[in-house]
N, C-alpha and C. Protein backbone atom coordinates (compact mmCIF):
# COMPACT_ATOMS: atom_id res chain seq x y z
N MET A 1 -0.25 2.29 16.14
CA MET A 1 -0.24 2.26 14.68
C MET A 1 1.12 1.72 14.23
N SER A 2 1.10 0.98 13.16
CA SER A 2 2.30 0.34 12.63
C SER A 2 2.56 0.81 11.20
N ASP A 3 3.82 0.71 10.80
CA ASP A 3 4.19 1.02 9.42
C ASP A 3 4.20 -0.22 8.56
N THR A 4 3.66 -1.32 9.06
CA THR A 4 3.69 -2.58 8.30
C THR A 4 2.28 -3.03 7.94
N THR A 5 2.24 -3.89 6.94
CA THR A 5 0.99 -4.51 6.49
C THR A 5 1.33 -5.88 5.93
N THR A 6 0.35 -6.58 5.44
CA THR A 6 0.60 -7.86 4.78
C THR A 6 0.38 -7.68 3.28
N ALA A 7 0.91 -8.60 2.49
CA ALA A 7 0.73 -8.52 1.04
C ALA A 7 -0.76 -8.66 0.69
N ASP A 8 -1.49 -9.51 1.41
CA ASP A 8 -2.91 -9.68 1.12
C ASP A 8 -3.71 -8.41 1.41
N ARG A 9 -3.43 -7.78 2.55
CA ARG A 9 -4.12 -6.53 2.87
C ARG A 9 -3.80 -5.46 1.84
N LEU A 10 -2.55 -5.40 1.44
CA LEU A 10 -2.13 -4.41 0.45
C LEU A 10 -2.80 -4.67 -0.89
N ARG A 11 -2.85 -5.93 -1.29
CA ARG A 11 -3.49 -6.30 -2.56
C ARG A 11 -4.96 -5.87 -2.57
N THR A 12 -5.66 -6.10 -1.47
CA THR A 12 -7.06 -5.70 -1.36
C THR A 12 -7.19 -4.17 -1.42
N ALA A 13 -6.34 -3.48 -0.70
CA ALA A 13 -6.41 -2.02 -0.63
C ALA A 13 -6.12 -1.35 -1.96
N LEU A 14 -5.28 -1.99 -2.77
CA LEU A 14 -4.85 -1.37 -4.04
C LEU A 14 -5.41 -2.10 -5.26
N SER A 15 -6.47 -2.85 -5.07
CA SER A 15 -7.00 -3.70 -6.14
C SER A 15 -7.45 -2.93 -7.38
N ASP A 16 -7.85 -1.68 -7.22
CA ASP A 16 -8.38 -0.92 -8.36
C ASP A 16 -7.42 0.15 -8.88
N VAL A 17 -6.15 0.06 -8.49
CA VAL A 17 -5.17 1.06 -8.93
C VAL A 17 -4.76 0.80 -10.38
N ALA A 18 -4.73 1.87 -11.16
CA ALA A 18 -4.19 1.81 -12.53
C ALA A 18 -2.74 2.31 -12.47
N TYR A 19 -1.84 1.42 -12.78
CA TYR A 19 -0.40 1.76 -12.74
C TYR A 19 0.03 2.30 -14.09
N PRO A 20 1.01 3.19 -14.10
CA PRO A 20 1.79 3.70 -12.98
C PRO A 20 0.96 4.63 -12.10
N ALA A 21 1.35 4.68 -10.80
CA ALA A 21 0.64 5.51 -9.83
C ALA A 21 1.62 6.12 -8.84
N ALA A 22 1.37 7.36 -8.49
CA ALA A 22 2.20 8.06 -7.51
C ALA A 22 1.82 7.61 -6.11
N LYS A 23 2.73 7.81 -5.19
CA LYS A 23 2.50 7.45 -3.78
C LYS A 23 1.18 8.02 -3.28
N GLU A 24 0.89 9.27 -3.59
CA GLU A 24 -0.33 9.92 -3.12
C GLU A 24 -1.58 9.21 -3.65
N GLN A 25 -1.52 8.78 -4.92
CA GLN A 25 -2.65 8.05 -5.50
C GLN A 25 -2.84 6.71 -4.79
N LEU A 26 -1.76 6.04 -4.48
CA LEU A 26 -1.84 4.76 -3.79
C LEU A 26 -2.47 4.94 -2.41
N ALA A 27 -2.06 5.97 -1.69
CA ALA A 27 -2.63 6.23 -0.37
C ALA A 27 -4.12 6.56 -0.47
N ASP A 28 -4.50 7.34 -1.47
CA ASP A 28 -5.91 7.67 -1.67
C ASP A 28 -6.74 6.42 -1.94
N HIS A 29 -6.24 5.53 -2.79
CA HIS A 29 -6.95 4.29 -3.10
C HIS A 29 -7.09 3.43 -1.84
N ALA A 30 -6.03 3.32 -1.06
CA ALA A 30 -6.09 2.52 0.16
C ALA A 30 -7.15 3.07 1.10
N SER A 31 -7.19 4.39 1.26
CA SER A 31 -8.20 5.00 2.14
C SER A 31 -9.61 4.78 1.61
N ARG A 32 -9.80 5.00 0.32
CA ARG A 32 -11.13 4.85 -0.28
C ARG A 32 -11.61 3.40 -0.25
N ASN A 33 -10.69 2.46 -0.26
CA ASN A 33 -11.05 1.04 -0.23
C ASN A 33 -11.17 0.52 1.20
N ASN A 34 -11.23 1.45 2.15
CA ASN A 34 -11.43 1.10 3.56
C ASN A 34 -10.36 0.16 4.12
N ALA A 35 -9.13 0.38 3.70
CA ALA A 35 -8.03 -0.41 4.24
C ALA A 35 -7.88 -0.10 5.73
N ASP A 36 -7.37 -1.06 6.47
CA ASP A 36 -7.13 -0.81 7.89
C ASP A 36 -6.10 0.30 8.06
N GLU A 37 -6.11 0.90 9.23
CA GLU A 37 -5.26 2.06 9.50
C GLU A 37 -3.78 1.77 9.28
N ASP A 38 -3.32 0.59 9.68
CA ASP A 38 -1.91 0.24 9.52
C ASP A 38 -1.51 0.13 8.05
N THR A 39 -2.40 -0.41 7.23
CA THR A 39 -2.10 -0.53 5.80
C THR A 39 -2.03 0.84 5.15
N VAL A 40 -2.96 1.71 5.48
CA VAL A 40 -2.92 3.09 4.94
C VAL A 40 -1.64 3.77 5.39
N HIS A 41 -1.27 3.60 6.64
CA HIS A 41 -0.05 4.23 7.15
C HIS A 41 1.19 3.66 6.44
N ALA A 42 1.20 2.36 6.21
CA ALA A 42 2.33 1.75 5.49
C ALA A 42 2.46 2.31 4.09
N VAL A 43 1.34 2.51 3.41
CA VAL A 43 1.37 3.08 2.05
C VAL A 43 1.85 4.52 2.11
N ARG A 44 1.38 5.27 3.09
CA ARG A 44 1.82 6.67 3.22
C ARG A 44 3.30 6.77 3.58
N SER A 45 3.87 5.69 4.10
CA SER A 45 5.29 5.67 4.46
C SER A 45 6.20 5.28 3.29
N LEU A 46 5.61 4.98 2.15
CA LEU A 46 6.41 4.65 0.96
C LEU A 46 7.30 5.83 0.59
N PRO A 47 8.45 5.55 -0.01
CA PRO A 47 9.26 6.65 -0.54
C PRO A 47 8.48 7.39 -1.64
N GLU A 48 8.70 8.69 -1.74
CA GLU A 48 8.07 9.47 -2.80
C GLU A 48 8.44 8.88 -4.15
N GLY A 49 7.52 8.93 -5.09
CA GLY A 49 7.82 8.45 -6.42
C GLY A 49 6.60 7.88 -7.11
N VAL A 50 6.84 7.38 -8.30
CA VAL A 50 5.80 6.76 -9.11
C VAL A 50 6.11 5.27 -9.18
N TYR A 51 5.09 4.46 -8.93
CA TYR A 51 5.23 3.01 -8.89
C TYR A 51 4.60 2.41 -10.14
N ASP A 52 5.37 1.58 -10.84
CA ASP A 52 4.93 1.03 -12.12
C ASP A 52 4.05 -0.20 -12.00
N SER A 53 4.04 -0.84 -10.82
CA SER A 53 3.28 -2.07 -10.66
C SER A 53 3.04 -2.36 -9.18
N PHE A 54 2.10 -3.26 -8.93
CA PHE A 54 1.86 -3.70 -7.56
C PHE A 54 3.12 -4.34 -6.98
N ASP A 55 3.83 -5.11 -7.79
CA ASP A 55 5.06 -5.76 -7.31
C ASP A 55 6.08 -4.73 -6.84
N GLN A 56 6.17 -3.62 -7.53
CA GLN A 56 7.10 -2.57 -7.12
C GLN A 56 6.67 -1.96 -5.78
N VAL A 57 5.38 -1.83 -5.55
CA VAL A 57 4.88 -1.35 -4.26
C VAL A 57 5.26 -2.33 -3.17
N VAL A 58 5.03 -3.62 -3.41
CA VAL A 58 5.34 -4.65 -2.41
C VAL A 58 6.83 -4.62 -2.06
N GLU A 59 7.68 -4.38 -3.03
CA GLU A 59 9.12 -4.32 -2.78
C GLU A 59 9.50 -3.11 -1.93
N SER A 60 8.66 -2.08 -1.94
CA SER A 60 9.00 -0.82 -1.26
C SER A 60 8.30 -0.62 0.08
N VAL A 61 7.21 -1.32 0.31
CA VAL A 61 6.45 -1.15 1.55
C VAL A 61 6.93 -2.15 2.60
N ALA A 62 6.73 -1.82 3.86
CA ALA A 62 7.11 -2.72 4.95
C ALA A 62 6.07 -3.82 5.10
N ILE A 63 6.44 -5.04 4.72
CA ILE A 63 5.55 -6.20 4.79
C ILE A 63 5.92 -7.02 6.03
N ASP A 64 4.91 -7.42 6.78
CA ASP A 64 5.10 -8.30 7.93
C ASP A 64 4.03 -9.38 7.87
N GLU A 65 4.37 -10.52 7.30
CA GLU A 65 3.41 -11.60 7.11
C GLU A 65 3.02 -12.30 8.42
N ARG A 66 3.68 -11.95 9.51
CA ARG A 66 3.32 -12.54 10.81
C ARG A 66 2.07 -11.88 11.38
N ARG A 67 1.67 -10.78 10.79
CA ARG A 67 0.46 -10.09 11.26
C ARG A 67 -0.77 -10.93 10.91
N ASP A 68 -1.80 -10.78 11.70
CA ASP A 68 -3.04 -11.51 11.40
C ASP A 68 -4.05 -10.62 10.74
């Protein structure tokens, strides 16, 4: 399992999130949207807090675009 994901995977996993959203809400959405295990883990690894936008999540999560 990895703590990284890609921006595309994250965008798909969080497509229905209404911001602002707490870390726990983001993780719940990722799980409910059937995100892959690494993406869910990456979201759960976010620092505690409330995120105002998808861009703020991307800035805080570990992104690795080399992943396939």
